[in-house]
Amino acid sequence: MASEPRLKHKKNRLEAFSDGVFAIAITLLVLEIAVPHVREGSQLLEGLLDEWPVYLAYFVSFMTIGAVWIEHSALVDALDHIDGVFMRLNLVLLLLVAFLPFPTRIMSEYASNVSAERVAVVFYGLVLLAMVLMLIVLGQHAEREGLFGDDALDERKEEARLRYQLMPALVAYIAAGLLGLLSPRLGVTLYLLVAIWLAVPIRDVRRLFGKNAA
């Protein structure tokens, strides 16, 4: 007996909901930046400079969420439709995105405590690793279930994006977490470099397949 076909869902509501969660998560990062309390105006500059771990954590998380949003948008734009499993996997990704402000605050709070900073940086890296892993799972599910429709070019673009961007990022986050055990500052620096690389990719997928698409 043939199995019943899976229900196909339009992707517009998923895009709108996802964009809202990404926007809220980035906004929550700003709310974690507190105004330094100083008695005299001459101490304000010193107080602002002392908050540099907070600024660094904010920038790393902002770039990371922005990079994940770009990758997520590229994936969803390439889809013809979505199914129920994709929607539920997408919720797991959004859960991690909305959770990121918490490890961001922990990492900035314990920047001056070496032993605690190691734990904070590794914990932060685990969340980043889970986010990228969920993006890869979403892409593989879309390919396996034929959510790209009949557009083979879109599917090939997605395969290239996973191969040249997300898979190296996954390895880099693992390396950064291990590096964070030895040197938390270097681990955070690698997190930032990966986020920038994802947000400003070196490889252009359209250019890569431009000749074949012609």
N, C-alpha and C. Protein backbone atom coordinates (compact mmCIF):
# COMPACT_ATOMS: atom_id res chain seq x y z
N MET A 1 0.84 -1.20 0.00
CA MET A 1 0.00 0.00 0.00
C MET A 1 0.87 1.25 0.00
N ALA A 2 0.62 2.15 -0.92
CA ALA A 2 1.42 3.36 -1.05
C ALA A 2 1.17 4.29 0.13
N SER A 3 2.25 4.92 0.62
CA SER A 3 2.11 5.86 1.74
C SER A 3 1.50 7.16 1.26
N GLU A 4 0.78 7.80 2.17
CA GLU A 4 0.14 9.07 1.82
C GLU A 4 1.19 10.15 1.66
N PRO A 5 1.02 11.04 0.67
CA PRO A 5 1.99 12.11 0.48
C PRO A 5 1.99 13.08 1.66
N ARG A 6 3.18 13.62 1.95
CA ARG A 6 3.30 14.59 3.03
C ARG A 6 2.60 15.89 2.67
N LEU A 7 2.06 16.55 3.69
CA LEU A 7 1.41 17.83 3.46
C LEU A 7 2.45 18.88 3.13
N LYS A 8 2.16 19.68 2.13
CA LYS A 8 3.04 20.78 1.76
C LYS A 8 2.51 22.07 2.36
N HIS A 9 3.41 22.85 2.97
CA HIS A 9 3.03 24.10 3.59
C HIS A 9 3.73 25.26 2.90
N LYS A 10 3.06 26.38 2.83
CA LYS A 10 3.70 27.58 2.31
C LYS A 10 4.70 28.10 3.34
N LYS A 11 5.73 28.79 2.85
CA LYS A 11 6.83 29.16 3.73
C LYS A 11 6.75 30.61 4.23
N ASN A 12 5.74 31.37 3.82
CA ASN A 12 5.72 32.79 4.16
C ASN A 12 5.57 33.03 5.67
N ARG A 13 4.72 32.22 6.33
CA ARG A 13 4.53 32.41 7.77
C ARG A 13 5.78 31.99 8.55
N LEU A 14 6.46 30.94 8.07
CA LEU A 14 7.69 30.52 8.72
C LEU A 14 8.75 31.60 8.59
N GLU A 15 8.85 32.24 7.44
CA GLU A 15 9.82 33.32 7.24
C GLU A 15 9.53 34.48 8.17
N ALA A 16 8.26 34.87 8.27
CA ALA A 16 7.89 36.02 9.11
C ALA A 16 8.17 35.73 10.59
N PHE A 17 7.79 34.54 11.04
CA PHE A 17 8.01 34.18 12.43
C PHE A 17 9.50 34.09 12.75
N SER A 18 10.26 33.49 11.85
CA SER A 18 11.70 33.35 12.06
C SER A 18 12.39 34.71 12.11
N ASP A 19 12.05 35.60 11.19
CA ASP A 19 12.64 36.94 11.18
C ASP A 19 12.34 37.68 12.47
N GLY A 20 11.13 37.48 13.02
CA GLY A 20 10.77 38.13 14.28
C GLY A 20 11.63 37.63 15.43
N VAL A 21 11.87 36.34 15.49
CA VAL A 21 12.71 35.78 16.56
C VAL A 21 14.14 36.27 16.43
N PHE A 22 14.67 36.29 15.22
CA PHE A 22 16.03 36.81 15.01
C PHE A 22 16.13 38.26 15.46
N ALA A 23 15.13 39.08 15.12
CA ALA A 23 15.15 40.49 15.49
C ALA A 23 15.08 40.67 17.00
N ILE A 24 14.24 39.90 17.67
CA ILE A 24 14.12 40.01 19.12
C ILE A 24 15.41 39.57 19.80
N ALA A 25 16.03 38.49 19.32
CA ALA A 25 17.27 38.00 19.92
C ALA A 25 18.38 39.05 19.83
N ILE A 26 18.49 39.71 18.69
CA ILE A 26 19.51 40.75 18.53
C ILE A 26 19.21 41.93 19.44
N THR A 27 17.93 42.28 19.58
CA THR A 27 17.55 43.39 20.47
C THR A 27 17.87 43.07 21.92
N LEU A 28 17.66 41.83 22.33
CA LEU A 28 17.97 41.44 23.71
C LEU A 28 19.45 41.58 24.02
N LEU A 29 20.30 41.42 23.02
CA LEU A 29 21.73 41.59 23.24
C LEU A 29 22.05 43.01 23.70
N VAL A 30 21.38 43.99 23.11
CA VAL A 30 21.63 45.39 23.46
C VAL A 30 21.20 45.67 24.89
N LEU A 31 20.12 45.05 25.33
CA LEU A 31 19.60 45.29 26.67
C LEU A 31 20.54 44.79 27.76
N GLU A 32 21.48 43.92 27.40
CA GLU A 32 22.43 43.40 28.38
C GLU A 32 23.57 44.39 28.64
N ILE A 33 23.68 45.43 27.84
CA ILE A 33 24.74 46.42 28.03
C ILE A 33 24.26 47.46 29.04
N ALA A 34 24.85 47.47 30.23
CA ALA A 34 24.44 48.37 31.30
C ALA A 34 25.28 49.64 31.29
N VAL A 35 24.68 50.72 31.76
CA VAL A 35 25.39 51.99 31.88
C VAL A 35 26.29 51.92 33.11
N PRO A 36 27.59 52.23 32.98
CA PRO A 36 28.49 52.16 34.14
C PRO A 36 28.12 53.21 35.17
N HIS A 37 28.23 52.85 36.45
CA HIS A 37 27.91 53.76 37.55
C HIS A 37 29.20 54.40 38.06
N VAL A 38 29.32 55.70 37.87
CA VAL A 38 30.49 56.45 38.33
C VAL A 38 30.02 57.67 39.10
N ARG A 39 30.86 58.14 40.01
CA ARG A 39 30.51 59.30 40.83
C ARG A 39 30.85 60.61 40.15
N GLU A 40 31.96 60.65 39.42
CA GLU A 40 32.40 61.88 38.77
C GLU A 40 32.46 61.68 37.26
N GLY A 41 32.22 62.77 36.55
CA GLY A 41 32.22 62.69 35.10
C GLY A 41 33.54 62.27 34.53
N SER A 42 34.66 62.61 35.23
CA SER A 42 35.98 62.25 34.73
C SER A 42 36.22 60.75 34.75
N GLN A 43 35.42 60.02 35.52
CA GLN A 43 35.59 58.58 35.61
C GLN A 43 34.71 57.83 34.59
N LEU A 44 33.90 58.57 33.87
CA LEU A 44 32.98 57.92 32.93
C LEU A 44 33.72 57.20 31.82
N LEU A 45 34.76 57.85 31.27
CA LEU A 45 35.52 57.22 30.19
C LEU A 45 36.16 55.93 30.68
N GLU A 46 36.71 55.98 31.88
CA GLU A 46 37.33 54.78 32.44
C GLU A 46 36.29 53.68 32.65
N GLY A 47 35.10 54.08 33.11
CA GLY A 47 34.03 53.11 33.31
C GLY A 47 33.58 52.49 32.00
N LEU A 48 33.50 53.29 30.95
CA LEU A 48 33.11 52.77 29.64
C LEU A 48 34.16 51.80 29.09
N LEU A 49 35.43 52.15 29.28
CA LEU A 49 36.49 51.28 28.78
C LEU A 49 36.56 49.97 29.55
N ASP A 50 36.19 50.01 30.83
CA ASP A 50 36.22 48.79 31.63
C ASP A 50 35.16 47.78 31.19
N GLU A 51 34.18 48.25 30.43
CA GLU A 51 33.10 47.37 29.97
C GLU A 51 33.42 46.68 28.64
N TRP A 52 34.69 46.70 28.24
CA TRP A 52 35.05 46.16 26.92
C TRP A 52 34.66 44.69 26.74
N PRO A 53 34.69 43.84 27.79
CA PRO A 53 34.23 42.45 27.56
C PRO A 53 32.76 42.37 27.14
N VAL A 54 31.95 43.30 27.67
CA VAL A 54 30.54 43.33 27.31
C VAL A 54 30.38 43.71 25.84
N TYR A 55 31.15 44.72 25.42
CA TYR A 55 31.07 45.15 24.02
C TYR A 55 31.53 44.03 23.08
N LEU A 56 32.60 43.34 23.46
CA LEU A 56 33.12 42.27 22.61
C LEU A 56 32.10 41.13 22.50
N ALA A 57 31.52 40.73 23.63
CA ALA A 57 30.53 39.66 23.63
C ALA A 57 29.32 40.05 22.79
N TYR A 58 28.91 41.33 22.91
CA TYR A 58 27.78 41.82 22.12
C TYR A 58 28.08 41.74 20.63
N PHE A 59 29.27 42.19 20.25
CA PHE A 59 29.62 42.22 18.83
C PHE A 59 29.71 40.81 18.25
N VAL A 60 30.33 39.90 19.00
CA VAL A 60 30.44 38.52 18.53
C VAL A 60 29.06 37.90 18.34
N SER A 61 28.18 38.09 19.33
CA SER A 61 26.84 37.51 19.25
C SER A 61 26.00 38.17 18.16
N PHE A 62 26.15 39.49 18.01
CA PHE A 62 25.41 40.19 16.95
C PHE A 62 25.81 39.66 15.58
N MET A 63 27.12 39.55 15.36
CA MET A 63 27.59 39.05 14.07
C MET A 63 27.17 37.59 13.85
N THR A 64 27.17 36.80 14.93
CA THR A 64 26.79 35.40 14.80
C THR A 64 25.32 35.26 14.44
N ILE A 65 24.45 35.98 15.17
CA ILE A 65 23.02 35.92 14.86
C ILE A 65 22.76 36.45 13.45
N GLY A 66 23.46 37.51 13.08
CA GLY A 66 23.30 38.05 11.73
C GLY A 66 23.72 37.05 10.68
N ALA A 67 24.83 36.34 10.93
CA ALA A 67 25.31 35.33 9.97
C ALA A 67 24.33 34.17 9.86
N VAL A 68 23.80 33.72 11.00
CA VAL A 68 22.83 32.62 10.98
C VAL A 68 21.57 33.05 10.24
N TRP A 69 21.15 34.31 10.45
CA TRP A 69 19.96 34.82 9.74
C TRP A 69 20.20 34.83 8.23
N ILE A 70 21.39 35.25 7.81
CA ILE A 70 21.71 35.27 6.38
C ILE A 70 21.66 33.86 5.80
N GLU A 71 22.27 32.91 6.51
CA GLU A 71 22.28 31.52 6.04
C GLU A 71 20.87 30.95 6.02
N HIS A 72 20.10 31.24 7.06
CA HIS A 72 18.72 30.75 7.14
C HIS A 72 17.88 31.34 6.01
N SER A 73 18.06 32.63 5.74
CA SER A 73 17.30 33.28 4.66
C SER A 73 17.64 32.67 3.31
N ALA A 74 18.93 32.39 3.07
CA ALA A 74 19.34 31.78 1.81
C ALA A 74 18.71 30.41 1.63
N LEU A 75 18.65 29.65 2.71
CA LEU A 75 18.06 28.32 2.64
C LEU A 75 16.56 28.40 2.34
N VAL A 76 15.83 29.20 3.11
CA VAL A 76 14.38 29.28 2.95
C VAL A 76 14.01 29.86 1.59
N ASP A 77 14.77 30.85 1.12
CA ASP A 77 14.48 31.43 -0.20
C ASP A 77 14.59 30.39 -1.32
N ALA A 78 15.50 29.42 -1.13
CA ALA A 78 15.70 28.41 -2.17
C ALA A 78 14.62 27.34 -2.16
N LEU A 79 13.81 27.27 -1.10
CA LEU A 79 12.80 26.22 -0.99
C LEU A 79 11.57 26.52 -1.83
N ASP A 80 10.97 25.48 -2.34
CA ASP A 80 9.70 25.61 -3.04
C ASP A 80 8.54 25.56 -2.06
N HIS A 81 8.68 24.73 -1.03
CA HIS A 81 7.67 24.60 0.02
C HIS A 81 8.34 24.00 1.24
N ILE A 82 7.60 23.85 2.34
CA ILE A 82 8.13 23.24 3.55
C ILE A 82 7.17 22.15 4.02
N ASP A 83 7.65 21.30 4.92
CA ASP A 83 6.77 20.29 5.50
C ASP A 83 6.76 20.44 7.02
N GLY A 84 5.99 19.60 7.69
CA GLY A 84 5.85 19.71 9.13
C GLY A 84 7.15 19.47 9.88
N VAL A 85 7.96 18.55 9.38
CA VAL A 85 9.24 18.27 10.03
C VAL A 85 10.16 19.47 9.93
N PHE A 86 10.19 20.12 8.77
CA PHE A 86 11.02 21.31 8.60
C PHE A 86 10.60 22.39 9.58
N MET A 87 9.30 22.58 9.76
CA MET A 87 8.82 23.61 10.69
C MET A 87 9.29 23.32 12.11
N ARG A 88 9.25 22.06 12.51
CA ARG A 88 9.65 21.70 13.87
C ARG A 88 11.16 21.80 14.06
N LEU A 89 11.92 21.41 13.05
CA LEU A 89 13.37 21.59 13.12
C LEU A 89 13.72 23.07 13.17
N ASN A 90 12.96 23.87 12.45
CA ASN A 90 13.19 25.31 12.45
C ASN A 90 12.94 25.90 13.85
N LEU A 91 11.96 25.35 14.56
CA LEU A 91 11.69 25.81 15.92
C LEU A 91 12.88 25.54 16.84
N VAL A 92 13.55 24.41 16.65
CA VAL A 92 14.73 24.11 17.45
C VAL A 92 15.83 25.13 17.18
N LEU A 93 16.02 25.49 15.92
CA LEU A 93 17.00 26.51 15.58
C LEU A 93 16.65 27.84 16.24
N LEU A 94 15.38 28.23 16.17
CA LEU A 94 14.96 29.50 16.79
C LEU A 94 15.10 29.46 18.30
N LEU A 95 14.89 28.30 18.91
CA LEU A 95 15.10 28.15 20.34
C LEU A 95 16.53 28.49 20.72
N LEU A 96 17.48 28.01 19.91
CA LEU A 96 18.89 28.28 20.17
C LEU A 96 19.23 29.74 19.94
N VAL A 97 18.66 30.33 18.88
CA VAL A 97 18.91 31.74 18.59
C VAL A 97 18.40 32.62 19.72
N ALA A 98 17.20 32.36 20.20
CA ALA A 98 16.62 33.15 21.28
C ALA A 98 17.38 32.95 22.60
N PHE A 99 18.05 31.80 22.74
CA PHE A 99 18.78 31.49 23.97
C PHE A 99 20.15 32.15 24.01
N LEU A 100 20.70 32.54 22.86
CA LEU A 100 22.07 33.04 22.77
C LEU A 100 22.37 34.23 23.68
N PRO A 101 21.44 35.18 23.92
CA PRO A 101 21.77 36.28 24.84
C PRO A 101 22.18 35.82 26.24
N PHE A 102 21.69 34.65 26.68
CA PHE A 102 22.05 34.16 28.01
C PHE A 102 23.53 33.78 28.11
N PRO A 103 24.05 32.89 27.24
CA PRO A 103 25.49 32.60 27.31
C PRO A 103 26.35 33.82 26.97
N THR A 104 25.80 34.75 26.20
CA THR A 104 26.54 35.98 25.91
C THR A 104 26.77 36.77 27.20
N ARG A 105 25.74 36.88 28.02
CA ARG A 105 25.87 37.60 29.29
C ARG A 105 26.82 36.88 30.23
N ILE A 106 26.74 35.55 30.28
CA ILE A 106 27.64 34.79 31.13
C ILE A 106 29.08 35.01 30.72
N MET A 107 29.34 34.99 29.42
CA MET A 107 30.70 35.17 28.92
C MET A 107 31.26 36.54 29.28
N SER A 108 30.41 37.59 29.20
CA SER A 108 30.88 38.94 29.53
C SER A 108 31.00 39.15 31.04
N GLU A 109 30.16 38.49 31.82
CA GLU A 109 30.18 38.65 33.28
C GLU A 109 31.44 38.05 33.89
N TYR A 110 31.91 36.94 33.34
CA TYR A 110 33.04 36.23 33.94
C TYR A 110 34.33 36.39 33.14
N ALA A 111 34.44 37.52 32.43
CA ALA A 111 35.63 37.75 31.62
C ALA A 111 36.88 37.96 32.45
N SER A 112 36.74 38.38 33.71
CA SER A 112 37.89 38.65 34.56
C SER A 112 38.28 37.47 35.44
N ASN A 113 37.51 36.40 35.38
CA ASN A 113 37.79 35.20 36.18
C ASN A 113 38.25 34.10 35.22
N VAL A 114 39.54 33.76 35.28
CA VAL A 114 40.12 32.87 34.27
C VAL A 114 39.44 31.51 34.24
N SER A 115 39.28 30.88 35.39
CA SER A 115 38.70 29.54 35.41
C SER A 115 37.24 29.56 34.98
N ALA A 116 36.48 30.55 35.48
CA ALA A 116 35.07 30.66 35.10
C ALA A 116 34.93 31.08 33.64
N GLU A 117 35.88 31.88 33.15
CA GLU A 117 35.83 32.34 31.77
C GLU A 117 35.96 31.17 30.81
N ARG A 118 36.79 30.19 31.16
CA ARG A 118 36.93 29.02 30.30
C ARG A 118 35.60 28.29 30.15
N VAL A 119 34.91 28.09 31.27
CA VAL A 119 33.62 27.43 31.22
C VAL A 119 32.62 28.24 30.40
N ALA A 120 32.62 29.56 30.62
CA ALA A 120 31.68 30.44 29.92
C ALA A 120 31.92 30.41 28.41
N VAL A 121 33.19 30.45 27.99
CA VAL A 121 33.52 30.48 26.56
C VAL A 121 33.16 29.15 25.90
N VAL A 122 33.42 28.03 26.59
CA VAL A 122 33.08 26.72 26.03
C VAL A 122 31.56 26.55 25.95
N PHE A 123 30.85 26.98 27.00
CA PHE A 123 29.39 26.92 27.00
C PHE A 123 28.81 27.74 25.86
N TYR A 124 29.35 28.93 25.66
CA TYR A 124 28.93 29.79 24.57
C TYR A 124 29.17 29.10 23.22
N GLY A 125 30.34 28.47 23.10
CA GLY A 125 30.66 27.80 21.85
C GLY A 125 29.75 26.62 21.55
N LEU A 126 29.31 25.93 22.60
CA LEU A 126 28.40 24.80 22.39
C LEU A 126 27.08 25.27 21.80
N VAL A 127 26.61 26.45 22.23
CA VAL A 127 25.37 27.00 21.68
C VAL A 127 25.57 27.37 20.22
N LEU A 128 26.70 28.00 19.89
CA LEU A 128 26.99 28.35 18.50
C LEU A 128 27.09 27.09 17.64
N LEU A 129 27.75 26.07 18.18
CA LEU A 129 27.89 24.81 17.46
C LEU A 129 26.52 24.19 17.17
N ALA A 130 25.63 24.23 18.16
CA ALA A 130 24.29 23.66 17.98
C ALA A 130 23.50 24.44 16.93
N MET A 131 23.68 25.77 16.87
CA MET A 131 22.98 26.59 15.89
C MET A 131 23.39 26.21 14.47
N VAL A 132 24.70 26.12 14.24
CA VAL A 132 25.18 25.77 12.90
C VAL A 132 24.77 24.34 12.54
N LEU A 133 24.82 23.45 13.53
CA LEU A 133 24.42 22.06 13.28
C LEU A 133 22.95 21.99 12.86
N MET A 134 22.10 22.80 13.49
CA MET A 134 20.69 22.80 13.12
C MET A 134 20.48 23.36 11.71
N LEU A 135 21.28 24.33 11.30
CA LEU A 135 21.20 24.83 9.93
C LEU A 135 21.53 23.72 8.94
N ILE A 136 22.57 22.94 9.26
CA ILE A 136 22.95 21.83 8.39
C ILE A 136 21.85 20.78 8.34
N VAL A 137 21.25 20.48 9.49
CA VAL A 137 20.15 19.51 9.54
C VAL A 137 18.98 19.99 8.70
N LEU A 138 18.66 21.29 8.79
CA LEU A 138 17.57 21.84 7.99
C LEU A 138 17.85 21.68 6.49
N GLY A 139 19.08 22.00 6.08
CA GLY A 139 19.43 21.87 4.68
C GLY A 139 19.39 20.44 4.19
N GLN A 140 19.88 19.52 5.00
CA GLN A 140 19.88 18.11 4.60
C GLN A 140 18.46 17.56 4.54
N HIS A 141 17.60 17.98 5.48
CA HIS A 141 16.21 17.53 5.43
C HIS A 141 15.52 18.05 4.18
N ALA A 142 15.77 19.32 3.85
CA ALA A 142 15.15 19.90 2.65
C ALA A 142 15.59 19.16 1.39
N GLU A 143 16.87 18.79 1.32
CA GLU A 143 17.37 18.06 0.16
C GLU A 143 16.78 16.65 0.10
N ARG A 144 16.73 15.99 1.25
CA ARG A 144 16.25 14.61 1.28
C ARG A 144 14.77 14.50 0.94
N GLU A 145 13.97 15.48 1.37
CA GLU A 145 12.52 15.43 1.15
C GLU A 145 12.07 16.18 -0.10
N GLY A 146 13.01 16.71 -0.87
CA GLY A 146 12.66 17.37 -2.12
C GLY A 146 11.94 18.70 -1.93
N LEU A 147 12.28 19.43 -0.88
CA LEU A 147 11.60 20.70 -0.61
C LEU A 147 12.04 21.81 -1.55
N PHE A 148 13.09 21.57 -2.33
CA PHE A 148 13.52 22.56 -3.31
C PHE A 148 12.66 22.53 -4.57
N GLY A 149 11.77 21.56 -4.65
CA GLY A 149 10.92 21.46 -5.82
C GLY A 149 11.68 20.93 -7.02
N ASP A 150 11.35 21.43 -8.19
CA ASP A 150 11.97 20.97 -9.43
C ASP A 150 13.17 21.82 -9.85
N ASP A 151 13.52 22.81 -9.02
CA ASP A 151 14.63 23.69 -9.38
C ASP A 151 15.94 23.07 -8.93
N ALA A 152 16.58 22.34 -9.81
CA ALA A 152 17.84 21.66 -9.47
C ALA A 152 18.95 22.65 -9.17
N LEU A 153 18.90 23.83 -9.79
CA LEU A 153 19.94 24.82 -9.56
C LEU A 153 19.92 25.29 -8.12
N ASP A 154 18.71 25.55 -7.58
CA ASP A 154 18.61 25.96 -6.18
C ASP A 154 19.17 24.88 -5.26
N GLU A 155 18.90 23.64 -5.58
CA GLU A 155 19.41 22.54 -4.75
C GLU A 155 20.93 22.49 -4.80
N ARG A 156 21.50 22.70 -5.97
CA ARG A 156 22.95 22.69 -6.09
C ARG A 156 23.58 23.87 -5.37
N LYS A 157 22.92 25.01 -5.41
CA LYS A 157 23.41 26.16 -4.66
C LYS A 157 23.44 25.86 -3.17
N GLU A 158 22.38 25.23 -2.69
CA GLU A 158 22.30 24.91 -1.27
C GLU A 158 23.37 23.91 -0.87
N GLU A 159 23.61 22.91 -1.72
CA GLU A 159 24.66 21.95 -1.45
C GLU A 159 26.02 22.64 -1.36
N ALA A 160 26.27 23.60 -2.26
CA ALA A 160 27.54 24.33 -2.24
C ALA A 160 27.66 25.17 -0.98
N ARG A 161 26.55 25.80 -0.57
CA ARG A 161 26.58 26.63 0.64
C ARG A 161 26.91 25.79 1.85
N LEU A 162 26.32 24.61 1.95
CA LEU A 162 26.61 23.72 3.08
C LEU A 162 28.07 23.26 3.05
N ARG A 163 28.55 22.96 1.85
CA ARG A 163 29.90 22.41 1.74
C ARG A 163 30.96 23.46 2.01
N TYR A 164 30.79 24.67 1.48
CA TYR A 164 31.85 25.66 1.54
C TYR A 164 31.73 26.62 2.73
N GLN A 165 30.59 26.69 3.38
CA GLN A 165 30.42 27.64 4.47
C GLN A 165 30.08 26.97 5.79
N LEU A 166 29.00 26.20 5.84
CA LEU A 166 28.53 25.70 7.13
C LEU A 166 29.40 24.58 7.68
N MET A 167 29.83 23.65 6.84
CA MET A 167 30.66 22.55 7.34
C MET A 167 31.99 23.06 7.90
N PRO A 168 32.72 23.95 7.21
CA PRO A 168 33.93 24.50 7.82
C PRO A 168 33.63 25.28 9.11
N ALA A 169 32.50 25.98 9.16
CA ALA A 169 32.13 26.71 10.37
C ALA A 169 31.90 25.75 11.53
N LEU A 170 31.30 24.61 11.24
CA LEU A 170 31.07 23.60 12.27
C LEU A 170 32.41 23.13 12.86
N VAL A 171 33.36 22.84 12.00
CA VAL A 171 34.68 22.41 12.46
C VAL A 171 35.38 23.53 13.23
N ALA A 172 35.24 24.76 12.74
CA ALA A 172 35.89 25.90 13.39
C ALA A 172 35.33 26.15 14.79
N TYR A 173 34.03 25.97 14.97
CA TYR A 173 33.44 26.15 16.30
C TYR A 173 33.92 25.08 17.27
N ILE A 174 34.11 23.86 16.79
CA ILE A 174 34.66 22.81 17.63
C ILE A 174 36.09 23.17 18.05
N ALA A 175 36.88 23.64 17.08
CA ALA A 175 38.25 24.03 17.37
C ALA A 175 38.29 25.22 18.34
N ALA A 176 37.38 26.18 18.15
CA ALA A 176 37.34 27.35 19.03
C ALA A 176 36.98 26.96 20.46
N GLY A 177 36.06 26.01 20.61
CA GLY A 177 35.70 25.56 21.95
C GLY A 177 36.86 24.90 22.65
N LEU A 178 37.61 24.06 21.91
CA LEU A 178 38.79 23.41 22.49
C LEU A 178 39.87 24.44 22.81
N LEU A 179 40.02 25.42 21.91
CA LEU A 179 41.00 26.47 22.14
C LEU A 179 40.61 27.31 23.35
N GLY A 180 39.29 27.49 23.56
CA GLY A 180 38.82 28.27 24.70
C GLY A 180 39.19 27.66 26.03
N LEU A 181 39.43 26.35 26.08
CA LEU A 181 39.88 25.71 27.31
C LEU A 181 41.29 26.15 27.68
N LEU A 182 42.10 26.43 26.65
CA LEU A 182 43.47 26.86 26.88
C LEU A 182 43.58 28.37 26.99
N SER A 183 42.93 29.06 26.09
CA SER A 183 42.97 30.53 26.06
C SER A 183 41.59 31.06 25.69
N PRO A 184 40.78 31.45 26.68
CA PRO A 184 39.42 31.93 26.39
C PRO A 184 39.38 33.09 25.40
N ARG A 185 40.35 34.01 25.49
CA ARG A 185 40.34 35.17 24.59
C ARG A 185 40.55 34.75 23.14
N LEU A 186 41.45 33.77 22.92
CA LEU A 186 41.66 33.29 21.56
C LEU A 186 40.43 32.55 21.05
N GLY A 187 39.75 31.82 21.95
CA GLY A 187 38.52 31.14 21.55
C GLY A 187 37.46 32.11 21.10
N VAL A 188 37.28 33.20 21.85
CA VAL A 188 36.30 34.23 21.48
C VAL A 188 36.69 34.88 20.16
N THR A 189 37.97 35.12 19.96
CA THR A 189 38.43 35.71 18.70
C THR A 189 38.09 34.82 17.52
N LEU A 190 38.25 33.51 17.68
CA LEU A 190 37.91 32.59 16.60
C LEU A 190 36.40 32.56 16.35
N TYR A 191 35.60 32.64 17.42
CA TYR A 191 34.15 32.75 17.25
C TYR A 191 33.81 33.94 16.37
N LEU A 192 34.47 35.06 16.64
CA LEU A 192 34.21 36.29 15.88
C LEU A 192 34.61 36.12 14.42
N LEU A 193 35.76 35.53 14.17
CA LEU A 193 36.23 35.35 12.80
C LEU A 193 35.29 34.45 12.00
N VAL A 194 34.78 33.41 12.64
CA VAL A 194 33.84 32.52 11.96
C VAL A 194 32.55 33.26 11.61
N ALA A 195 32.06 34.07 12.56
CA ALA A 195 30.83 34.84 12.31
C ALA A 195 31.02 35.80 11.14
N ILE A 196 32.16 36.48 11.11
CA ILE A 196 32.43 37.41 10.01
C ILE A 196 32.54 36.66 8.69
N TRP A 197 33.18 35.49 8.70
CA TRP A 197 33.32 34.69 7.48
C TRP A 197 31.97 34.22 6.96
N LEU A 198 31.06 33.88 7.87
CA LEU A 198 29.72 33.47 7.45
C LEU A 198 28.92 34.65 6.92
N ALA A 199 29.05 35.79 7.58
CA ALA A 199 28.27 36.97 7.18
C ALA A 199 28.79 37.59 5.89
N VAL A 200 30.11 37.49 5.65
CA VAL A 200 30.70 38.05 4.44
C VAL A 200 31.45 36.91 3.76
N PRO A 201 30.74 35.99 3.08
CA PRO A 201 31.37 34.80 2.51
C PRO A 201 32.35 35.14 1.40
N ILE A 202 33.40 34.37 1.35
CA ILE A 202 34.42 34.57 0.30
C ILE A 202 33.91 34.04 -1.04
N ARG A 203 33.21 32.93 -0.97
CA ARG A 203 32.74 32.29 -2.20
C ARG A 203 31.33 32.75 -2.54
N ASP A 204 31.14 33.06 -3.78
CA ASP A 204 29.82 33.44 -4.27
C ASP A 204 29.23 32.25 -5.01
N VAL A 205 28.16 31.68 -4.46
CA VAL A 205 27.58 30.47 -5.04
C VAL A 205 27.05 30.73 -6.44
N ARG A 206 26.48 31.89 -6.65
CA ARG A 206 25.95 32.19 -7.99
C ARG A 206 27.07 32.23 -9.02
N ARG A 207 28.19 32.81 -8.64
CA ARG A 207 29.31 32.86 -9.57
C ARG A 207 29.86 31.46 -9.81
N LEU A 208 29.82 30.64 -8.77
CA LEU A 208 30.36 29.29 -8.87
C LEU A 208 29.58 28.47 -9.91
N PHE A 209 28.24 28.66 -9.94
CA PHE A 209 27.42 27.88 -10.86
C PHE A 209 26.89 28.71 -12.03
N GLY A 210 27.45 29.90 -12.21
CA GLY A 210 26.95 30.77 -13.25
C GLY A 210 27.05 30.17 -14.65
N LYS A 211 28.18 29.52 -14.93
CA LYS A 211 28.38 28.94 -16.26
C LYS A 211 27.44 27.79 -16.50
N ASN A 212 27.22 26.96 -15.45
CA ASN A 212 26.33 25.82 -15.61
C ASN A 212 24.87 26.23 -15.76
N ALA A 213 24.53 27.41 -15.14
CA ALA A 213 23.15 27.85 -15.18
C ALA A 213 22.78 28.46 -16.51
N ALA A 214 23.81 28.86 -17.25
CA ALA A 214 23.54 29.53 -18.52
C ALA A 214 22.94 28.57 -19.54
